[in-house]
PDB file of all heavy atoms in Angstrom:
ATOM      1  N   LEU A   1      12.053   8.508  17.450  1.00  0.00           N
ATOM      2  CA  LEU A   1      11.981   8.272  18.941  1.00  0.00           C
ATOM      3  C   LEU A   1      12.606   9.456  19.678  1.00  0.00           C
ATOM      4  O   LEU A   1      12.602   9.426  20.919  1.00  0.00           O
ATOM      5  CB  LEU A   1      12.660   6.936  19.317  1.00  0.00           C
ATOM      6  CG  LEU A   1      11.905   5.655  18.804  1.00  0.00           C
ATOM      7  CD1 LEU A   1      12.722   4.475  19.153  1.00  0.00           C
ATOM      8  CD2 LEU A   1      10.435   5.513  19.325  1.00  0.00           C
ATOM      9  N   ASN A   2      13.283  10.255  18.948  1.00  0.00           N
ATOM     10  CA  ASN A   2      14.051  11.412  19.563  1.00  0.00           C
ATOM     11  C   ASN A   2      15.168  11.007  20.505  1.00  0.00           C
ATOM     12  O   ASN A   2      15.297  11.443  21.681  1.00  0.00           O
ATOM     13  CB  ASN A   2      13.088  12.353  20.355  1.00  0.00           C
ATOM     14  CG  ASN A   2      13.620  13.701  20.633  1.00  0.00           C
ATOM     15  OD1 ASN A   2      14.543  14.200  19.901  1.00  0.00           O
ATOM     16  ND2 ASN A   2      13.218  14.282  21.624  1.00  0.00           N
ATOM     17  N   VAL A   3      15.832   9.884  20.083  1.00  0.00           N
ATOM     18  CA  VAL A   3      17.051   9.363  20.881  1.00  0.00           C
ATOM     19  C   VAL A   3      18.166   9.287  19.883  1.00  0.00           C
ATOM     20  O   VAL A   3      18.054   9.495  18.748  1.00  0.00           O
ATOM     21  CB  VAL A   3      16.673   7.975  21.460  1.00  0.00           C
ATOM     22  CG1 VAL A   3      15.523   8.117  22.488  1.00  0.00           C
ATOM     23  CG2 VAL A   3      16.316   7.021  20.418  1.00  0.00           C
ATOM     24  N   THR A   4      19.372   8.865  20.410  1.00  0.00           N
ATOM     25  CA  THR A   4      20.484   8.777  19.508  1.00  0.00           C
ATOM     26  C   THR A   4      20.453   7.425  18.866  1.00  0.00           C
ATOM     27  O   THR A   4      19.897   6.347  19.353  1.00  0.00           O
ATOM     28  CB  THR A   4      21.823   8.869  20.388  1.00  0.00           C
ATOM     29  OG1 THR A   4      21.901   7.707  21.292  1.00  0.00           O
ATOM     30  CG2 THR A   4      21.778  10.225  21.168  1.00  0.00           C
ATOM     31  N   PRO A   5      21.137   7.306  17.693  1.00  0.00           N
ATOM     32  CA  PRO A   5      21.329   6.020  17.012  1.00  0.00           C
ATOM     33  C   PRO A   5      22.020   4.991  17.910  1.00  0.00           C
ATOM     34  O   PRO A   5      21.692   3.805  17.822  1.00  0.00           O
ATOM     35  CB  PRO A   5      22.120   6.289  15.836  1.00  0.00           C
ATOM     36  CG  PRO A   5      21.929   7.739  15.504  1.00  0.00           C
ATOM     37  CD  PRO A   5      21.678   8.385  16.880  1.00  0.00           C
ATOM     38  N   ALA A   6      22.978   5.353  18.722  1.00  0.00           N
ATOM     39  CA  ALA A   6      23.636   4.478  19.640  1.00  0.00           C
ATOM     40  C   ALA A   6      22.592   3.802  20.593  1.00  0.00           C
ATOM     41  O   ALA A   6      22.650   2.625  20.902  1.00  0.00           O
ATOM     42  CB  ALA A   6      24.692   5.219  20.348  1.00  0.00           C
ATOM     43  N   ALA A   7      21.671   4.695  21.141  1.00  0.00           N
ATOM     44  CA  ALA A   7      20.660   4.089  22.012  1.00  0.00           C
ATOM     45  C   ALA A   7      19.798   3.153  21.348  1.00  0.00           C
ATOM     46  O   ALA A   7      19.369   2.077  21.894  1.00  0.00           O
ATOM     47  CB  ALA A   7      19.824   5.334  22.628  1.00  0.00           C
ATOM     48  N   VAL A   8      19.455   3.446  20.147  1.00  0.00           N
ATOM     49  CA  VAL A   8      18.615   2.555  19.323  1.00  0.00           C
ATOM     50  C   VAL A   8      19.267   1.187  19.117  1.00  0.00           C
ATOM     51  O   VAL A   8      18.774   0.071  19.315  1.00  0.00           O
ATOM     52  CB  VAL A   8      18.254   3.121  17.958  1.00  0.00           C
ATOM     53  CG1 VAL A   8      17.734   2.008  17.035  1.00  0.00           C
ATOM     54  CG2 VAL A   8      17.188   4.190  18.132  1.00  0.00           C
ATOM     55  N   SER A   9      20.666   1.189  18.744  1.00  0.00           N
ATOM     56  CA  SER A   9      21.341  -0.007  18.521  1.00  0.00           C
ATOM     57  C   SER A   9      21.357  -0.840  19.798  1.00  0.00           C
ATOM     58  O   SER A   9      21.346  -2.092  19.830  1.00  0.00           O
ATOM     59  CB  SER A   9      22.831   0.358  18.047  1.00  0.00           C
ATOM     60  OG  SER A   9      22.808   0.950  16.834  1.00  0.00           O
ATOM     61  N   SER A  10      21.635  -0.145  20.954  1.00  0.00           N
ATOM     62  CA  SER A  10      21.716  -0.826  22.261  1.00  0.00           C
ATOM     63  C   SER A  10      20.436  -1.574  22.606  1.00  0.00           C
ATOM     64  O   SER A  10      20.390  -2.775  23.066  1.00  0.00           O
ATOM     65  CB  SER A  10      22.044   0.169  23.347  1.00  0.00           C
ATOM     66  OG  SER A  10      21.971  -0.483  24.589  1.00  0.00           O
ATOM     67  N   GLN A  11      19.208  -0.876  22.330  1.00  0.00           N
ATOM     68  CA  GLN A  11      17.886  -1.522  22.551  1.00  0.00           C
ATOM     69  C   GLN A  11      17.711  -2.709  21.716  1.00  0.00           C
ATOM     70  O   GLN A  11      17.232  -3.726  22.103  1.00  0.00           O
ATOM     71  CB  GLN A  11      16.808  -0.456  22.394  1.00  0.00           C
ATOM     72  CG  GLN A  11      16.785   0.646  23.389  1.00  0.00           C
ATOM     73  CD  GLN A  11      16.182   0.107  24.772  1.00  0.00           C
ATOM     74  OE1 GLN A  11      15.673  -1.019  24.804  1.00  0.00           O
ATOM     75  NE2 GLN A  11      16.418   0.853  25.795  1.00  0.00           N
ATOM     76  N   ILE A  12      18.052  -2.618  20.429  1.00  0.00           N
ATOM     77  CA  ILE A  12      17.881  -3.708  19.460  1.00  0.00           C
ATOM     78  C   ILE A  12      18.755  -4.860  19.833  1.00  0.00           C
ATOM     79  O   ILE A  12      18.325  -6.063  19.800  1.00  0.00           O
ATOM     80  CB  ILE A  12      18.125  -3.258  18.070  1.00  0.00           C
ATOM     81  CG1 ILE A  12      17.149  -2.224  17.540  1.00  0.00           C
ATOM     82  CG2 ILE A  12      18.117  -4.438  17.016  1.00  0.00           C
ATOM     83  CD1 ILE A  12      15.632  -2.586  17.595  1.00  0.00           C
ATOM     84  N   HIS A  13      19.994  -4.521  20.259  1.00  0.00           N
ATOM     85  CA  HIS A  13      20.898  -5.626  20.641  1.00  0.00           C
ATOM     86  C   HIS A  13      20.421  -6.351  21.799  1.00  0.00           C
ATOM     87  O   HIS A  13      20.478  -7.553  21.903  1.00  0.00           O
ATOM     88  CB  HIS A  13      22.271  -4.992  20.954  1.00  0.00           C
ATOM     89  CG  HIS A  13      23.318  -6.069  21.365  1.00  0.00           C
ATOM     90  ND1 HIS A  13      23.821  -7.028  20.504  1.00  0.00           N
ATOM     91  CD2 HIS A  13      23.892  -6.214  22.573  1.00  0.00           C
ATOM     92  CE1 HIS A  13      24.644  -7.749  21.125  1.00  0.00           C
ATOM     93  NE2 HIS A  13      24.832  -7.270  22.414  1.00  0.00           N
ATOM     94  N   SER A  14      19.853  -5.639  22.791  1.00  0.00           N
ATOM     95  CA  SER A  14      19.333  -6.275  24.051  1.00  0.00           C
ATOM     96  C   SER A  14      18.173  -7.092  23.742  1.00  0.00           C
ATOM     97  O   SER A  14      17.906  -8.243  24.292  1.00  0.00           O
ATOM     98  CB  SER A  14      19.066  -5.254  25.097  1.00  0.00           C
ATOM     99  OG  SER A  14      17.981  -4.411  24.702  1.00  0.00           O
ATOM    100  N   LEU A  15      17.317  -6.672  22.830  1.00  0.00           N
ATOM    101  CA  LEU A  15      16.087  -7.426  22.417  1.00  0.00           C
ATOM    102  C   LEU A  15      16.532  -8.747  21.615  1.00  0.00           C
ATOM    103  O   LEU A  15      15.976  -9.792  21.919  1.00  0.00           O
ATOM    104  CB  LEU A  15      15.282  -6.510  21.564  1.00  0.00           C
ATOM    105  CG  LEU A  15      13.849  -7.201  21.112  1.00  0.00           C
ATOM    106  CD1 LEU A  15      13.048  -7.537  22.304  1.00  0.00           C
ATOM    107  CD2 LEU A  15      13.098  -6.254  20.139  1.00  0.00           C
ATOM    108  N   GLU A  16      17.484  -8.637  20.739  1.00  0.00           N
ATOM    109  CA  GLU A  16      17.952  -9.782  20.109  1.00  0.00           C
ATOM    110  C   GLU A  16      18.512 -10.830  20.965  1.00  0.00           C
ATOM    111  O   GLU A  16      18.357 -12.022  20.887  1.00  0.00           O
ATOM    112  CB  GLU A  16      18.981  -9.367  18.999  1.00  0.00           C
ATOM    113  CG  GLU A  16      18.261  -8.615  17.799  1.00  0.00           C
ATOM    114  CD  GLU A  16      19.277  -8.148  16.698  1.00  0.00           C
ATOM    115  OE1 GLU A  16      20.418  -7.886  17.133  1.00  0.00           O
ATOM    116  OE2 GLU A  16      18.913  -8.082  15.581  1.00  0.00           O
ATOM    117  N   GLU A  17      19.319 -10.418  21.954  1.00  0.00           N
ATOM    118  CA  GLU A  17      19.930 -11.310  22.983  1.00  0.00           C
ATOM    119  C   GLU A  17      18.785 -11.963  23.781  1.00  0.00           C
ATOM    120  O   GLU A  17      18.866 -13.085  24.073  1.00  0.00           O
ATOM    121  CB  GLU A  17      20.821 -10.475  23.958  1.00  0.00           C
ATOM    122  CG  GLU A  17      22.240 -10.218  23.287  1.00  0.00           C
ATOM    123  CD  GLU A  17      23.215  -9.869  24.367  1.00  0.00           C
ATOM    124  OE1 GLU A  17      22.806  -9.438  25.471  1.00  0.00           O
ATOM    125  OE2 GLU A  17      24.452 -10.063  24.151  1.00  0.00           O
ATOM    126  N   LEU A  18      17.776 -11.157  24.207  1.00  0.00           N
ATOM    127  CA  LEU A  18      16.685 -11.689  24.941  1.00  0.00           C
ATOM    128  C   LEU A  18      15.948 -12.763  24.165  1.00  0.00           C
ATOM    129  O   LEU A  18      15.591 -13.872  24.758  1.00  0.00           O
ATOM    130  CB  LEU A  18      15.756 -10.580  25.404  1.00  0.00           C
ATOM    131  CG  LEU A  18      14.438 -11.030  26.215  1.00  0.00           C
ATOM    132  CD1 LEU A  18      14.791 -11.566  27.501  1.00  0.00           C
ATOM    133  CD2 LEU A  18      13.567  -9.862  26.347  1.00  0.00           C
ATOM    134  N   LEU A  19      15.680 -12.539  22.897  1.00  0.00           N
ATOM    135  CA  LEU A  19      14.919 -13.428  22.084  1.00  0.00           C
ATOM    136  C   LEU A  19      15.765 -14.530  21.533  1.00  0.00           C
ATOM    137  O   LEU A  19      15.247 -15.550  21.142  1.00  0.00           O
ATOM    138  CB  LEU A  19      14.194 -12.761  20.948  1.00  0.00           C
ATOM    139  CG  LEU A  19      13.168 -11.650  21.288  1.00  0.00           C
ATOM    140  CD1 LEU A  19      12.675 -10.929  20.098  1.00  0.00           C
ATOM    141  CD2 LEU A  19      12.049 -12.218  22.059  1.00  0.00           C
ATOM    142  N   GLY A  20      17.091 -14.327  21.440  1.00  0.00           N
ATOM    143  CA  GLY A  20      17.910 -15.376  20.882  1.00  0.00           C
ATOM    144  C   GLY A  20      17.880 -15.421  19.385  1.00  0.00           C
ATOM    145  O   GLY A  20      18.184 -16.514  18.844  1.00  0.00           O
ATOM    146  N   VAL A  21      17.523 -14.466  18.697  1.00  0.00           N
ATOM    147  CA  VAL A  21      17.418 -14.474  17.282  1.00  0.00           C
ATOM    148  C   VAL A  21      17.924 -13.012  16.741  1.00  0.00           C
ATOM    149  O   VAL A  21      17.905 -12.016  17.516  1.00  0.00           O
ATOM    150  CB  VAL A  21      15.993 -14.731  16.816  1.00  0.00           C
ATOM    151  CG1 VAL A  21      15.494 -16.086  17.156  1.00  0.00           C
ATOM    152  CG2 VAL A  21      14.998 -13.655  17.299  1.00  0.00           C
ATOM    153  N   SER A  22      18.326 -13.034  15.506  1.00  0.00           N
ATOM    154  CA  SER A  22      18.592 -11.718  14.841  1.00  0.00           C
ATOM    155  C   SER A  22      17.292 -11.261  14.295  1.00  0.00           C
ATOM    156  O   SER A  22      16.534 -11.950  13.602  1.00  0.00           O
ATOM    157  CB  SER A  22      19.682 -11.980  13.727  1.00  0.00           C
ATOM    158  OG  SER A  22      20.883 -12.299  14.411  1.00  0.00           O
ATOM    159  N   LEU A  23      17.097  -9.939  14.349  1.00  0.00           N
ATOM    160  CA  LEU A  23      15.838  -9.267  13.908  1.00  0.00           C
ATOM    161  C   LEU A  23      16.103  -8.487  12.579  1.00  0.00           C
ATOM    162  O   LEU A  23      15.164  -8.254  11.814  1.00  0.00           O
ATOM    163  CB  LEU A  23      15.273  -8.325  15.054  1.00  0.00           C
ATOM    164  CG  LEU A  23      14.840  -9.085  16.284  1.00  0.00           C
ATOM    165  CD1 LEU A  23      14.441  -8.098  17.275  1.00  0.00           C
ATOM    166  CD2 LEU A  23      13.726 -10.072  16.065  1.00  0.00           C
ATOM    167  N   PHE A  24      17.320  -8.071  12.308  1.00  0.00           N
ATOM    168  CA  PHE A  24      17.653  -7.268  11.246  1.00  0.00           C
ATOM    169  C   PHE A  24      18.908  -7.850  10.555  1.00  0.00           C
ATOM    170  O   PHE A  24      19.790  -8.389  11.139  1.00  0.00           O
ATOM    171  CB  PHE A  24      17.889  -5.836  11.554  1.00  0.00           C
ATOM    172  CG  PHE A  24      16.738  -5.091  12.155  1.00  0.00           C
ATOM    173  CD1 PHE A  24      16.605  -4.998  13.568  1.00  0.00           C
ATOM    174  CD2 PHE A  24      15.705  -4.613  11.330  1.00  0.00           C
ATOM    175  CE1 PHE A  24      15.471  -4.312  14.005  1.00  0.00           C
ATOM    176  CE2 PHE A  24      14.576  -3.935  11.821  1.00  0.00           C
ATOM    177  CZ  PHE A  24      14.532  -3.775  13.254  1.00  0.00           C
ATOM    178  N   LEU A  25      18.871  -7.637   9.218  1.00  0.00           N
ATOM    179  CA  LEU A  25      20.075  -7.960   8.441  1.00  0.00           C
ATOM    180  C   LEU A  25      20.654  -6.522   8.053  1.00  0.00           C
ATOM    181  O   LEU A  25      19.992  -5.719   7.502  1.00  0.00           O
ATOM    182  CB  LEU A  25      19.753  -8.697   7.146  1.00  0.00           C
ATOM    183  CG  LEU A  25      19.310 -10.138   7.375  1.00  0.00           C
ATOM    184  CD1 LEU A  25      18.847 -10.749   6.074  1.00  0.00           C
ATOM    185  CD2 LEU A  25      20.378 -11.024   8.009  1.00  0.00           C
ATOM    186  N   ARG A  26      21.907  -6.322   8.337  1.00  0.00           N
ATOM    187  CA  ARG A  26      22.572  -4.983   8.096  1.00  0.00           C
ATOM    188  C   ARG A  26      23.556  -5.152   7.058  1.00  0.00           C
ATOM    189  O   ARG A  26      24.440  -6.036   7.119  1.00  0.00           O
ATOM    190  CB  ARG A  26      23.126  -4.476   9.372  1.00  0.00           C
ATOM    191  CG  ARG A  26      22.238  -4.401  10.613  1.00  0.00           C
ATOM    192  CD  ARG A  26      23.048  -4.201  11.861  1.00  0.00           C
ATOM    193  NE  ARG A  26      22.088  -4.126  13.046  1.00  0.00           N
ATOM    194  CZ  ARG A  26      21.578  -5.205  13.682  1.00  0.00           C
ATOM    195  NH1 ARG A  26      21.850  -6.405  13.297  1.00  0.00           N
ATOM    196  NH2 ARG A  26      20.868  -4.999  14.710  1.00  0.00           N
ATOM    197  N   SER A  27      23.433  -4.348   5.969  1.00  0.00           N
ATOM    198  CA  SER A  27      24.377  -4.342   4.870  1.00  0.00           C
ATOM    199  C   SER A  27      24.747  -2.765   4.633  1.00  0.00           C
ATOM    200  O   SER A  27      23.996  -2.135   3.899  1.00  0.00           O
ATOM    201  CB  SER A  27      23.829  -5.004   3.651  1.00  0.00           C
ATOM    202  OG  SER A  27      24.814  -4.893   2.535  1.00  0.00           O
ATOM    203  N   GLY A  28      25.750  -2.281   5.283  1.00  0.00           N
ATOM    204  CA  GLY A  28      26.076  -0.874   5.197  1.00  0.00           C
ATOM    205  C   GLY A  28      24.951  -0.160   5.891  1.00  0.00           C
ATOM    206  O   GLY A  28      24.623  -0.390   7.063  1.00  0.00           O
ATOM    207  N   ARG A  29      24.457   0.832   5.099  1.00  0.00           N
ATOM    208  CA  ARG A  29      23.210   1.545   5.771  1.00  0.00           C
ATOM    209  C   ARG A  29      21.936   0.913   5.444  1.00  0.00           C
ATOM    210  O   ARG A  29      20.902   1.345   5.993  1.00  0.00           O
ATOM    211  CB  ARG A  29      23.270   3.005   5.196  1.00  0.00           C
ATOM    212  CG  ARG A  29      24.443   3.827   5.612  1.00  0.00           C
ATOM    213  CD  ARG A  29      24.260   5.254   5.238  1.00  0.00           C
ATOM    214  NE  ARG A  29      25.359   6.147   5.715  1.00  0.00           N
ATOM    215  CZ  ARG A  29      25.319   7.479   5.580  1.00  0.00           C
ATOM    216  NH1 ARG A  29      24.341   8.029   4.887  1.00  0.00           N
ATOM    217  NH2 ARG A  29      26.381   8.131   6.062  1.00  0.00           N
ATOM    218  N   LYS A  30      21.893  -0.123   4.619  1.00  0.00           N
ATOM    219  CA  LYS A  30      20.678  -0.794   4.321  1.00  0.00           C
ATOM    220  C   LYS A  30      20.358  -1.733   5.389  1.00  0.00           C
ATOM    221  O   LYS A  30      21.164  -2.510   5.889  1.00  0.00           O
ATOM    222  CB  LYS A  30      20.875  -1.512   2.960  1.00  0.00           C
ATOM    223  CG  LYS A  30      19.570  -2.177   2.446  1.00  0.00           C
ATOM    224  CD  LYS A  30      19.804  -2.831   1.127  1.00  0.00           C
ATOM    225  CE  LYS A  30      18.440  -3.496   0.622  1.00  0.00           C
ATOM    226  NZ  LYS A  30      18.697  -4.254  -0.698  1.00  0.00           N
ATOM    227  N   VAL A  31      18.989  -1.751   5.836  1.00  0.00           N
ATOM    228  CA  VAL A  31      18.567  -2.681   6.929  1.00  0.00           C
ATOM    229  C   VAL A  31      17.320  -3.344   6.320  1.00  0.00           C
ATOM    230  O   VAL A  31      16.392  -2.707   5.746  1.00  0.00           O
ATOM    231  CB  VAL A  31      18.166  -1.794   8.084  1.00  0.00           C
ATOM    232  CG1 VAL A  31      17.500  -2.669   9.217  1.00  0.00           C
ATOM    233  CG2 VAL A  31      19.311  -1.037   8.583  1.00  0.00           C
ATOM    234  N   THR A  32      17.313  -4.653   6.507  1.00  0.00           N
ATOM    235  CA  THR A  32      16.049  -5.476   6.243  1.00  0.00           C
ATOM    236  C   THR A  32      15.754  -6.331   7.375  1.00  0.00           C
ATOM    237  O   THR A  32      16.541  -6.591   8.260  1.00  0.00           O
ATOM    238  CB  THR A  32      16.347  -6.325   4.950  1.00  0.00           C
ATOM    239  OG1 THR A  32      17.454  -7.168   5.131  1.00  0.00           O
ATOM    240  CG2 THR A  32      16.573  -5.458   3.732  1.00  0.00           C
ATOM    241  N   LEU A  33      14.524  -6.763   7.384  1.00  0.00           N
ATOM    242  CA  LEU A  33      14.007  -7.606   8.510  1.00  0.00           C
ATOM    243  C   LEU A  33      14.373  -9.075   8.232  1.00  0.00           C
ATOM    244  O   LEU A  33      14.334  -9.549   6.990  1.00  0.00           O
ATOM    245  CB  LEU A  33      12.503  -7.538   8.655  1.00  0.00           C
ATOM    246  CG  LEU A  33      11.960  -6.256   9.344  1.00  0.00           C
ATOM    247  CD1 LEU A  33      10.467  -6.184   9.102  1.00  0.00           C
ATOM    248  CD2 LEU A  33      12.267  -6.357  10.783  1.00  0.00           C
ATOM    249  N   THR A  34      14.870  -9.802   9.211  1.00  0.00           N
ATOM    250  CA  THR A  34      15.090 -11.219   9.061  1.00  0.00           C
ATOM    251  C   THR A  34      13.594 -11.901   9.066  1.00  0.00           C
ATOM    252  O   THR A  34      12.646 -11.223   9.360  1.00  0.00           O
ATOM    253  CB  THR A  34      15.865 -11.768  10.247  1.00  0.00           C
ATOM    254  OG1 THR A  34      15.153 -11.597  11.513  1.00  0.00           O
ATOM    255  CG2 THR A  34      17.210 -11.061  10.263  1.00  0.00           C
ATOM    256  N   ASP A  35      13.525 -13.268   8.878  1.00  0.00           N
ATOM    257  CA  ASP A  35      12.290 -13.856   9.021  1.00  0.00           C
ATOM    258  C   ASP A  35      11.682 -13.785  10.422  1.00  0.00           C
ATOM    259  O   ASP A  35      10.549 -13.598  10.600  1.00  0.00           O
ATOM    260  CB  ASP A  35      12.535 -15.438   8.703  1.00  0.00           C
ATOM    261  CG  ASP A  35      12.703 -15.607   7.182  1.00  0.00           C
ATOM    262  OD1 ASP A  35      12.390 -14.653   6.389  1.00  0.00           O
ATOM    263  OD2 ASP A  35      13.217 -16.777   6.818  1.00  0.00           O
ATOM    264  N   ALA A  36      12.599 -13.809  11.438  1.00  0.00           N
ATOM    265  CA  ALA A  36      12.216 -13.629  12.796  1.00  0.00           C
ATOM    266  C   ALA A  36      11.651 -12.255  13.019  1.00  0.00           C
ATOM    267  O   ALA A  36      10.543 -12.052  13.696  1.00  0.00           O
ATOM    268  CB  ALA A  36      13.333 -13.916  13.755  1.00  0.00           C
TER     269      ALA A  36
END
């Protein structure tokens, strides 16, 4: 997206708050999708 990782984290956080669900499981640098 040609943006910073911090900007990406902020957008994902706002989307998860809006939907009321977690979208990713984070384990260190590893990222997987939740069922949602």
